[in-house]
Amino acid sequence: MRERRTVYHHKGYRLRSYTELMWARLLDAADIFYLYEPHLQRVEGGAYLPDFYLPNVGVYLEVKGVDPTADEIRKADDVMGRTGTPVIFLIGRPMSDRNGLMNCGMLAKSACGWNRNICPHDLDQVYLHGMGHAPWLKLLMSVREDDMDRVRRVSEIVEEYCMETMGRPAMESHLRMTHKRVNDDRASGHREISAPERALKMFFDRQAIRAVFAKAPLMEARP
């Protein structure tokens, strides 16, 4: 059953939840290029590994089933302070009906602090007016549940079982190596920036957050 799964295979990645899978499908449908867990960031008291990075936008996306805790927000603040790269929390599993996206929210930081001023439904309406009806329908359909989501190849079941038995540190090392190979392969290809990426980049480039926080070198995720 889906609730018992610990990894979801998608484009070579091993995503950690069904919610992450749906956000990845939504990004794919919107023609927004991403890398999965590419940068292990130093934060006070340890390290932080944001879920998605949008290279053509310069933003981290962190997926949460529910609102982030105070400690998770503190880590996001630390990452932004060290890198100058905005962190956006994607909250809940995106769903859709005939009117647009629903069942999800976004938490972002502005000059007034952390807030929910960015609404996914508003963004999908902007996408509808900017890209047209057919691309918009593709966006909505990307987050519809599929019976095939419950089906797994035997090789995936065996891999999942092996990761569960190897222990958390070894499993994390295996996943980081796997994702690094996929990220390197995806990043090596030439890809023009898409219209949705250009619009997102323009929006975030206007935010004062980029000027406030200092830049710091990134640390590749390593085993």
Protein backbone atom coordinates (compact mmCIF):
# COMPACT_ATOMS: atom_id res chain seq x y z
CA MET A 1 0.00 0.00 0.00
CA ARG A 2 1.12 3.54 -0.67
CA GLU A 3 1.28 4.52 3.01
CA ARG A 4 3.99 1.94 3.65
CA ARG A 5 6.32 3.13 0.93
CA THR A 6 9.48 4.94 1.93
CA VAL A 7 10.77 5.95 -1.52
CA TYR A 8 9.10 7.02 -4.76
CA HIS A 9 11.04 6.64 -8.01
CA HIS A 10 10.84 9.64 -10.32
CA LYS A 11 13.24 10.58 -13.12
CA GLY A 12 16.03 8.58 -11.48
CA TYR A 13 15.47 10.16 -8.05
CA ARG A 14 14.31 8.37 -4.91
CA LEU A 15 11.81 10.84 -3.48
CA ARG A 16 10.97 10.48 0.18
CA SER A 17 7.19 10.89 0.16
CA TYR A 18 4.11 10.89 -2.04
CA THR A 19 3.80 14.62 -1.35
CA GLU A 20 7.29 15.24 -2.77
CA LEU A 21 6.35 13.16 -5.82
CA MET A 22 3.30 15.31 -6.50
CA TRP A 23 5.28 18.56 -6.19
CA ALA A 24 7.92 17.13 -8.56
CA ARG A 25 5.22 16.26 -11.10
CA LEU A 26 3.80 19.74 -10.76
CA LEU A 27 7.20 21.32 -11.43
CA ASP A 28 7.66 19.05 -14.44
CA ALA A 29 4.25 19.99 -15.84
CA ALA A 30 5.01 23.69 -15.36
CA ASP A 31 8.31 23.30 -17.24
CA ILE A 32 10.33 24.33 -14.17
CA PHE A 33 13.72 22.61 -14.02
CA TYR A 34 14.87 21.33 -10.63
CA LEU A 35 17.57 19.33 -8.91
CA TYR A 36 16.75 17.13 -5.94
CA GLU A 37 18.70 17.55 -2.69
CA PRO A 38 21.82 18.89 -4.46
CA HIS A 39 23.28 21.11 -1.73
CA LEU A 40 24.07 20.14 1.83
CA GLN A 41 24.06 23.46 3.67
CA ARG A 42 25.86 24.20 6.93
CA VAL A 43 23.57 25.62 9.59
CA GLU A 44 24.01 26.34 13.24
CA GLY A 45 24.24 23.04 15.07
CA GLY A 46 24.50 20.82 12.01
CA ALA A 47 23.49 20.63 8.35
CA TYR A 48 20.39 21.18 6.24
CA LEU A 49 19.46 19.51 2.95
CA PRO A 50 16.69 21.41 1.10
CA ASP A 51 14.46 19.20 -1.07
CA PHE A 52 14.52 20.99 -4.43
CA TYR A 53 16.73 23.64 -5.99
CA LEU A 54 15.63 25.61 -9.06
CA PRO A 55 18.88 26.54 -10.87
CA ASN A 56 17.19 28.87 -13.36
CA VAL A 57 15.38 30.71 -10.59
CA GLY A 58 17.84 30.54 -7.70
CA VAL A 59 15.38 29.29 -5.07
CA TYR A 60 15.22 26.35 -2.67
CA LEU A 61 11.90 24.55 -2.19
CA GLU A 62 11.30 22.62 1.02
CA VAL A 63 8.32 20.24 1.05
CA LYS A 64 6.35 19.75 4.27
CA GLY A 65 3.18 17.80 4.95
CA VAL A 66 2.22 20.30 7.64
CA ASP A 67 3.47 23.70 8.75
CA PRO A 68 7.22 23.75 9.46
CA THR A 69 8.36 23.73 13.07
CA ALA A 70 10.18 26.62 14.69
CA ASP A 71 13.45 24.67 14.33
CA GLU A 72 12.84 24.09 10.61
CA ILE A 73 12.15 27.78 10.09
CA ARG A 74 15.32 28.63 12.01
CA LYS A 75 17.33 26.37 9.70
CA ALA A 76 15.75 27.98 6.63
CA ASP A 77 16.61 31.42 8.00
CA ASP A 78 20.19 30.25 8.55
CA VAL A 79 20.46 28.93 4.97
CA MET A 80 19.16 32.22 3.56
CA GLY A 81 21.51 34.17 5.77
CA ARG A 82 24.54 32.15 4.63
CA THR A 83 23.71 31.83 0.93
CA GLY A 84 21.36 34.65 -0.02
CA THR A 85 19.12 32.04 -1.64
CA PRO A 86 15.41 32.20 -0.72
CA VAL A 87 13.81 29.12 0.85
CA ILE A 88 10.14 28.55 0.09
CA PHE A 89 8.14 26.02 2.10
CA LEU A 90 5.64 24.01 0.03
CA ILE A 91 3.03 22.81 2.51
CA GLY A 92 0.61 19.95 1.93
CA ARG A 93 0.10 17.64 -1.02
CA PRO A 94 -1.07 19.56 -4.10
CA MET A 95 -4.40 18.48 -5.53
CA SER A 96 -6.67 20.01 -8.12
CA ASP A 97 -10.24 20.34 -9.25
CA ARG A 98 -11.72 22.05 -12.29
CA ASN A 99 -11.05 25.47 -10.74
CA GLY A 100 -7.33 25.02 -10.12
CA LEU A 101 -4.87 23.88 -7.45
CA MET A 102 -5.98 23.24 -3.90
CA ASN A 103 -5.02 21.50 -0.62
CA CYS A 104 -1.60 23.14 -0.51
CA GLY A 105 0.07 26.35 0.54
CA MET A 106 3.35 28.21 0.36
CA LEU A 107 5.26 29.87 3.17
CA ALA A 108 7.85 32.48 2.20
CA LYS A 109 9.78 35.22 3.92
CA SER A 110 9.39 38.89 3.07
CA ALA A 111 10.36 42.14 4.75
CA CYS A 112 7.42 41.55 7.10
CA GLY A 113 8.56 38.08 8.12
CA TRP A 114 7.29 34.63 7.18
CA ASN A 115 3.86 34.71 5.56
CA ARG A 116 1.49 32.93 3.17
CA ASN A 117 1.09 35.79 0.70
CA ILE A 118 1.94 33.46 -2.21
CA CYS A 119 -1.09 31.30 -2.99
CA PRO A 120 -0.64 28.30 -5.35
CA HIS A 121 -4.16 28.85 -6.70
CA ASP A 122 -3.29 32.44 -7.60
CA LEU A 123 -0.14 31.22 -9.33
CA ASP A 124 -2.04 28.64 -11.35
CA GLN A 125 -4.46 31.35 -12.49
CA VAL A 126 -1.50 33.48 -13.60
CA TYR A 127 -0.20 30.39 -15.41
CA LEU A 128 -3.60 29.94 -17.10
CA HIS A 129 -3.64 33.52 -18.42
CA GLY A 130 0.02 33.47 -19.42
CA MET A 131 0.37 29.99 -20.95
CA GLY A 132 -3.14 29.11 -22.11
CA HIS A 133 -5.81 26.55 -21.31
CA ALA A 134 -4.10 23.37 -22.55
CA PRO A 135 -0.87 23.85 -20.52
CA TRP A 136 -3.01 24.80 -17.52
CA LEU A 137 -4.99 21.56 -17.77
CA LYS A 138 -1.72 19.63 -17.96
CA LEU A 139 -0.66 21.37 -14.76
CA LEU A 140 -3.86 20.36 -12.97
CA MET A 141 -3.77 16.78 -14.22
CA SER A 142 -0.19 16.31 -13.02
CA VAL A 143 -1.31 16.21 -9.37
CA ARG A 144 -4.28 13.87 -9.84
CA GLU A 145 -3.89 10.54 -8.10
CA ASP A 146 -3.21 7.60 -10.39
CA ASP A 147 -3.90 3.94 -9.57
CA MET A 148 -0.46 3.17 -11.02
CA ASP A 149 1.06 5.13 -8.13
CA ARG A 150 0.33 2.07 -6.01
CA VAL A 151 2.20 -0.24 -8.38
CA ARG A 152 5.92 -0.91 -7.95
CA ARG A 153 8.44 -2.92 -9.89
CA VAL A 154 9.93 -5.90 -8.09
CA SER A 155 13.36 -4.24 -8.35
CA GLU A 156 12.02 -1.17 -6.53
CA ILE A 157 10.58 -3.30 -3.72
CA VAL A 158 13.89 -5.12 -3.32
CA GLU A 159 15.84 -1.84 -3.30
CA GLU A 160 13.49 -0.36 -0.72
CA TYR A 161 13.83 -3.43 1.50
CA CYS A 162 17.64 -3.32 1.24
CA MET A 163 17.72 0.36 2.18
CA GLU A 164 15.54 -0.28 5.21
CA THR A 165 17.84 -3.05 6.43
CA MET A 166 21.11 -1.18 5.91
CA GLY A 167 20.38 1.44 8.58
CA ARG A 168 19.75 5.17 8.36
CA PRO A 169 23.37 6.43 7.84
CA ALA A 170 24.08 3.89 5.07
CA MET A 171 20.71 4.56 3.44
CA GLU A 172 21.32 8.33 3.44
CA SER A 173 24.77 7.79 1.92
CA HIS A 174 23.28 5.61 -0.83
CA LEU A 175 20.58 8.18 -1.60
CA ARG A 176 23.05 11.09 -1.73
CA MET A 177 25.28 9.21 -4.18
CA THR A 178 22.27 8.28 -6.32
CA HIS A 179 20.92 11.81 -6.39
CA LYS A 180 24.34 13.30 -7.11
CA ARG A 181 24.67 11.15 -10.24
CA VAL A 182 21.21 12.14 -11.44
CA ASN A 183 21.77 15.83 -10.61
CA ASP A 184 25.11 15.89 -12.42
CA ASP A 185 23.53 14.29 -15.48
CA ARG A 186 20.58 16.69 -15.50
CA ALA A 187 22.74 19.75 -14.89
CA SER A 188 25.15 18.84 -17.70
CA GLY A 189 22.51 19.18 -20.40
CA HIS A 190 21.82 22.47 -22.15
CA ARG A 191 18.38 23.82 -21.36
CA GLU A 192 16.86 27.17 -22.20
CA ILE A 193 15.09 28.98 -19.38
CA SER A 194 11.33 28.54 -19.70
CA ALA A 195 8.71 31.27 -19.55
CA PRO A 196 7.47 30.17 -16.08
CA GLU A 197 11.07 30.15 -14.80
CA ARG A 198 11.67 33.59 -16.23
CA ALA A 199 8.57 34.91 -14.49
CA LEU A 200 9.55 33.34 -11.14
CA LYS A 201 13.09 34.65 -11.41
CA MET A 202 11.83 38.15 -12.15
CA PHE A 203 9.57 37.96 -9.09
CA PHE A 204 12.30 36.82 -6.70
CA ASP A 205 14.92 39.16 -8.16
CA ARG A 206 12.69 42.03 -7.11
CA GLN A 207 12.58 40.87 -3.51
CA ALA A 208 14.79 42.70 -1.05
CA ILE A 209 15.84 39.36 0.40
CA ARG A 210 18.52 38.92 -2.29
CA ALA A 211 20.20 42.20 -1.33
CA VAL A 212 19.93 41.65 2.42
CA PHE A 213 21.61 38.27 2.72
CA ALA A 214 25.28 37.70 1.93
CA LYS A 215 26.47 35.04 -0.45
CA ALA A 216 28.32 31.96 0.78
CA PRO A 217 29.76 28.96 -1.10
CA LEU A 218 27.58 25.88 -1.42
CA MET A 219 28.61 22.46 -0.19
CA GLU A 220 27.84 19.50 -2.46
CA ALA A 221 25.91 16.70 -0.80
CA ARG A 222 28.40 13.92 -0.16
CA PRO A 223 28.16 10.56 1.54
